[in-house]
């Protein structure tokens, strides 16, 4: 009995010590925003943009900071939309639309390194780059599961970013000041902890815009593959417009997107 009692006491102290160690490590480790602010460009962006963002949210009667975020970009229309959630489970609300400075390539997905194509499809932010050659940048997870099947197996391409300045060989540039604002906003969402990966959907056109939709139809009228490819993109676009929520998107063995609307 005594041996068992002593064993249980020692075990309690070990568990308590382990808990206190983990707690100390958590307190000692800087949060995501503090880590980002250790870089000069990001610290400067926060100093310039955080109060401005708060004021914009207040004018639109949105709660600060946002809990989740969704980005969608339209190649032909040269626009990048930002949507936010004020609380988990709520529908997205439109915050802002930025102008895409320049667009490389043409309509259609990216399929190999050096094709200058901006990807089309369903991605997420997988990198915050505070030391980008193009001021600040947010990396996309290209090639995604679909791209890995359908793109050139040896040279699919990589390093696709939303970034500052006005140059593109497949990226989405929105100039420095808007990029600072977007970077700060994405950092706040990442720090909130509800969304490890911020979704980014890239569409060839804004399907609900008549002129854009007409241009797309003309551009792909003789391309059966792009017609099929656009069907899934259009389903996702329509679902979000109607529900202000993201559909569930899967990839089958052929690399095709399956959108559950």
Protein backbone atom coordinates (compact mmCIF):
# COMPACT_ATOMS: atom_id res chain seq x y z
CA UNK A 1 0.00 0.00 0.00
CA UNK A 2 2.76 2.42 0.92
CA UNK A 3 4.63 1.62 -2.28
CA UNK A 4 1.49 2.25 -4.34
CA UNK A 5 0.83 5.53 -2.52
CA UNK A 6 4.37 6.75 -3.14
CA UNK A 7 4.16 5.69 -6.79
CA UNK A 8 0.94 7.68 -7.29
CA UNK A 9 2.44 10.75 -5.61
CA UNK A 10 5.53 10.63 -7.80
CA UNK A 11 3.37 10.18 -10.88
CA UNK A 12 1.30 13.24 -9.96
CA UNK A 13 4.45 15.33 -9.58
CA UNK A 14 5.78 14.13 -12.93
CA UNK A 15 2.51 15.06 -14.67
CA UNK A 16 2.44 18.43 -12.91
CA UNK A 17 6.06 19.13 -13.83
CA UNK A 18 5.41 18.24 -17.49
CA UNK A 19 2.34 20.51 -17.56
CA UNK A 20 4.26 23.42 -16.03
CA UNK A 21 7.09 22.91 -18.52
CA UNK A 22 4.71 23.03 -21.47
CA UNK A 23 2.99 26.08 -20.02
CA UNK A 24 6.30 27.84 -19.58
CA UNK A 25 7.28 27.05 -23.17
CA UNK A 26 3.96 28.34 -24.47
CA UNK A 27 4.35 31.58 -22.55
CA UNK A 28 7.97 31.97 -23.64
CA UNK A 29 7.27 31.40 -27.32
CA UNK A 30 6.15 34.54 -29.18
CA UNK A 31 2.81 34.44 -30.98
CA UNK A 32 2.47 34.48 -34.74
CA UNK A 33 2.07 38.25 -35.02
CA UNK A 34 5.04 38.90 -32.73
CA UNK A 35 7.14 36.58 -34.87
CA UNK A 36 6.08 38.40 -38.01
CA UNK A 37 6.74 41.80 -36.46
CA UNK A 38 10.33 40.79 -35.84
CA UNK A 39 10.81 41.48 -39.55
CA UNK A 40 11.18 45.17 -40.38
CA UNK A 41 8.80 45.25 -43.36
CA UNK A 42 6.04 43.55 -41.42
CA UNK A 43 6.51 45.78 -38.37
CA UNK A 44 6.33 48.82 -40.64
CA UNK A 45 3.21 47.44 -42.34
CA UNK A 46 1.48 46.94 -38.97
CA UNK A 47 2.38 50.47 -37.89
CA UNK A 48 0.96 51.88 -41.11
CA UNK A 49 -2.04 49.66 -41.69
CA UNK A 50 -3.47 48.26 -38.47
CA UNK A 51 -5.33 51.41 -37.40
CA UNK A 52 -6.48 51.98 -40.98
CA UNK A 53 -7.88 48.46 -41.15
CA UNK A 54 -9.65 48.86 -37.83
CA UNK A 55 -11.25 52.08 -39.10
CA UNK A 56 -12.38 50.37 -42.31
CA UNK A 57 -13.91 47.52 -40.33
CA UNK A 58 -15.70 50.00 -38.10
CA UNK A 59 -17.13 51.89 -41.09
CA UNK A 60 -18.45 48.63 -42.51
CA UNK A 61 -19.78 47.57 -39.10
CA UNK A 62 -17.49 44.54 -39.03
CA UNK A 63 -15.92 43.14 -35.87
CA UNK A 64 -12.14 43.41 -35.47
CA UNK A 65 -10.12 41.28 -35.68
CA UNK A 66 -11.68 38.88 -38.20
CA UNK A 67 -11.75 35.21 -37.27
CA UNK A 68 -11.56 33.72 -40.76
CA UNK A 69 -10.77 34.92 -44.25
CA UNK A 70 -11.36 33.89 -47.85
CA UNK A 71 -9.68 35.28 -50.96
CA UNK A 72 -10.83 34.86 -54.53
CA UNK A 73 -9.11 36.25 -57.58
CA UNK A 74 -10.38 36.79 -61.12
CA UNK A 75 -7.77 36.70 -63.86
CA UNK A 76 -9.54 38.41 -66.76
CA UNK A 77 -11.22 40.97 -64.50
CA UNK A 78 -7.91 41.66 -62.67
CA UNK A 79 -9.53 41.73 -59.26
CA UNK A 80 -8.80 40.13 -55.90
CA UNK A 81 -11.64 39.96 -53.38
CA UNK A 82 -11.26 39.60 -49.63
CA UNK A 83 -14.05 38.13 -47.53
CA UNK A 84 -14.02 37.73 -43.75
CA UNK A 85 -15.91 35.97 -40.99
CA UNK A 86 -16.64 37.80 -37.76
CA UNK A 87 -17.14 34.51 -35.93
CA UNK A 88 -16.61 30.85 -36.69
CA UNK A 89 -19.63 29.27 -38.37
CA UNK A 90 -21.01 32.59 -39.63
CA UNK A 91 -21.29 33.37 -43.34
CA UNK A 92 -18.52 35.34 -45.00
CA UNK A 93 -18.91 39.08 -45.51
CA UNK A 94 -17.23 41.04 -48.27
CA UNK A 95 -14.53 43.35 -46.97
CA UNK A 96 -12.65 44.71 -49.96
CA UNK A 97 -11.72 44.25 -53.61
CA UNK A 98 -8.16 45.01 -54.70
CA UNK A 99 -6.98 45.67 -58.23
CA UNK A 100 -4.56 43.13 -59.66
CA UNK A 101 -1.83 45.24 -61.21
CA UNK A 102 -0.83 43.00 -64.10
CA UNK A 103 -1.74 39.53 -65.33
CA UNK A 104 0.67 37.15 -67.05
CA UNK A 105 -0.37 34.29 -69.30
CA UNK A 106 -3.91 33.67 -70.46
CA UNK A 107 -7.04 31.83 -69.44
CA UNK A 108 -6.63 28.26 -68.27
CA UNK A 109 -4.78 26.50 -65.44
CA UNK A 110 -1.03 26.41 -64.93
CA UNK A 111 0.45 23.17 -66.19
CA UNK A 112 4.23 23.56 -66.31
CA UNK A 113 7.17 25.64 -65.20
CA UNK A 114 7.81 28.62 -67.43
CA UNK A 115 4.35 28.84 -69.00
CA UNK A 116 3.74 32.19 -67.23
CA UNK A 117 0.25 31.04 -66.33
CA UNK A 118 -1.47 32.17 -63.16
CA UNK A 119 -2.98 28.97 -61.70
CA UNK A 120 -6.72 28.43 -61.72
CA UNK A 121 -8.41 26.33 -59.08
CA UNK A 122 -8.64 25.92 -55.34
CA UNK A 123 -5.66 26.74 -53.16
CA UNK A 124 -4.71 28.04 -49.73
CA UNK A 125 -2.02 30.27 -48.25
CA UNK A 126 0.83 28.09 -47.05
CA UNK A 127 3.54 30.71 -46.56
CA UNK A 128 3.95 34.19 -45.12
CA UNK A 129 7.06 35.69 -46.70
CA UNK A 130 8.24 38.86 -44.89
CA UNK A 131 11.42 39.13 -46.98
CA UNK A 132 9.93 38.79 -50.46
CA UNK A 133 11.73 40.19 -53.49
CA UNK A 134 8.37 41.82 -54.19
CA UNK A 135 7.95 43.63 -50.86
CA UNK A 136 5.70 41.18 -48.97
CA UNK A 137 4.06 38.02 -50.22
CA UNK A 138 1.64 35.23 -49.37
CA UNK A 139 2.42 31.87 -50.95
CA UNK A 140 -0.13 29.54 -52.52
CA UNK A 141 0.12 25.75 -52.29
CA UNK A 142 0.70 25.31 -56.01
CA UNK A 143 0.96 22.58 -57.21
CA UNK A 144 -2.05 21.29 -55.29
CA UNK A 145 -3.39 17.72 -55.41
CA UNK A 146 -5.05 18.29 -58.78
CA UNK A 147 -2.03 20.02 -60.32
CA UNK A 148 0.28 17.21 -59.25
CA UNK A 149 -1.77 14.81 -61.36
CA UNK A 150 -2.48 17.03 -64.37
CA UNK A 151 0.64 19.19 -64.64
CA UNK A 152 4.02 18.31 -66.11
CA UNK A 153 5.32 15.60 -63.74
CA UNK A 154 8.92 16.82 -63.91
CA UNK A 155 8.46 20.58 -64.12
CA UNK A 156 5.02 21.60 -62.80
CA UNK A 157 6.30 24.97 -61.59
CA UNK A 158 6.20 26.45 -58.10
CA UNK A 159 6.58 29.65 -56.09
CA UNK A 160 3.19 31.19 -56.82
CA UNK A 161 2.48 34.19 -54.59
CA UNK A 162 0.16 37.09 -54.02
CA UNK A 163 2.68 39.90 -53.68
CA UNK A 164 3.51 43.58 -53.98
CA UNK A 165 5.06 45.53 -56.88
CA UNK A 166 3.76 45.19 -60.44
CA UNK A 167 5.43 42.21 -62.08
CA UNK A 168 4.16 38.70 -62.75
CA UNK A 169 5.39 35.47 -64.26
CA UNK A 170 2.46 33.51 -62.84
CA UNK A 171 1.87 35.35 -59.55
CA UNK A 172 -0.85 37.79 -58.48
CA UNK A 173 0.60 41.28 -57.84
CA UNK A 174 -1.50 43.96 -56.12
CA UNK A 175 1.20 46.64 -55.47
CA UNK A 176 2.97 47.39 -52.19
CA UNK A 177 0.43 49.36 -50.15
CA UNK A 178 -2.50 46.98 -50.77
CA UNK A 179 -0.15 44.07 -50.11
CA UNK A 180 0.79 45.52 -46.73
CA UNK A 181 -2.89 45.77 -45.85
CA UNK A 182 -3.61 42.22 -47.02
CA UNK A 183 -0.56 40.85 -45.19
CA UNK A 184 -1.61 42.47 -41.90
CA UNK A 185 -5.16 41.19 -42.33
CA UNK A 186 -4.01 37.65 -43.12
CA UNK A 187 -1.64 37.74 -40.13
CA UNK A 188 -4.50 38.69 -37.82
CA UNK A 189 -6.58 35.79 -39.12
CA UNK A 190 -3.70 33.35 -38.84
CA UNK A 191 -3.07 34.49 -35.26
CA UNK A 192 -6.75 34.00 -34.34
CA UNK A 193 -6.09 30.27 -34.63
CA UNK A 194 -9.31 29.14 -36.31
CA UNK A 195 -7.92 28.93 -39.82
CA UNK A 196 -4.48 27.42 -40.25
CA UNK A 197 -4.76 27.67 -44.02
CA UNK A 198 -6.54 30.63 -45.63
CA UNK A 199 -8.43 29.49 -48.77
CA UNK A 200 -7.67 31.20 -52.08
CA UNK A 201 -9.78 30.40 -55.15
CA UNK A 202 -8.51 31.60 -58.53
CA UNK A 203 -11.08 31.87 -61.32
CA UNK A 204 -10.51 32.74 -64.99
CA UNK A 205 -13.34 35.30 -64.93
CA UNK A 206 -16.10 36.64 -62.74
CA UNK A 207 -18.82 34.32 -64.05
CA UNK A 208 -21.67 36.62 -63.06
CA UNK A 209 -20.21 39.49 -65.11
CA UNK A 210 -21.80 39.24 -68.57
CA UNK A 211 -18.87 40.67 -70.51
CA UNK A 212 -16.37 38.46 -68.69
CA UNK A 213 -18.50 35.33 -69.07
CA UNK A 214 -18.96 36.05 -72.79
CA UNK A 215 -15.22 36.45 -73.25
CA UNK A 216 -14.60 33.11 -71.54
CA UNK A 217 -17.18 31.28 -73.65
CA UNK A 218 -15.57 32.59 -76.82
CA UNK A 219 -12.06 31.77 -75.62
CA UNK A 220 -12.82 28.14 -74.76
CA UNK A 221 -15.53 27.29 -77.29
CA UNK A 222 -13.24 24.87 -79.14
CA UNK A 223 -11.52 23.47 -76.05
CA UNK A 224 -13.49 20.64 -74.47
CA UNK A 225 -11.01 20.22 -71.62
CA UNK A 226 -11.31 23.86 -70.51
CA UNK A 227 -15.10 23.61 -70.76
CA UNK A 228 -15.11 20.68 -68.34
CA UNK A 229 -12.52 22.32 -66.12
CA UNK A 230 -14.63 25.45 -65.83
CA UNK A 231 -17.76 23.55 -64.86
CA UNK A 232 -16.38 22.73 -61.40
CA UNK A 233 -14.98 26.24 -60.93
CA UNK A 234 -18.32 27.76 -61.85
CA UNK A 235 -20.18 25.47 -59.42
CA UNK A 236 -17.91 26.62 -56.58
CA UNK A 237 -18.31 30.26 -57.61
CA UNK A 238 -22.11 29.99 -57.71
CA UNK A 239 -22.28 28.12 -54.39
CA UNK A 240 -20.32 30.79 -52.60
CA UNK A 241 -22.32 33.63 -54.16
CA UNK A 242 -25.57 32.03 -53.01
CA UNK A 243 -24.52 30.89 -49.52
CA UNK A 244 -21.48 32.99 -48.58
CA UNK A 245 -19.93 29.73 -47.42
CA UNK A 246 -17.27 27.57 -49.03
CA UNK A 247 -18.25 24.30 -50.71
CA UNK A 248 -16.44 21.04 -49.99
CA UNK A 249 -13.93 20.44 -52.78
CA UNK A 250 -12.31 17.07 -53.49
CA UNK A 251 -9.94 15.79 -56.16
CA UNK A 252 -10.55 12.46 -57.88
CA UNK A 253 -7.95 10.03 -59.21
CA UNK A 254 -7.96 11.78 -62.59
CA UNK A 255 -7.11 15.11 -61.00
CA UNK A 256 -10.56 16.60 -61.58
CA UNK A 257 -12.15 18.82 -58.97
CA UNK A 258 -15.33 17.44 -57.41
CA UNK A 259 -17.35 20.27 -55.88
CA UNK A 260 -20.04 19.24 -53.40
CA UNK A 261 -22.62 21.98 -53.53
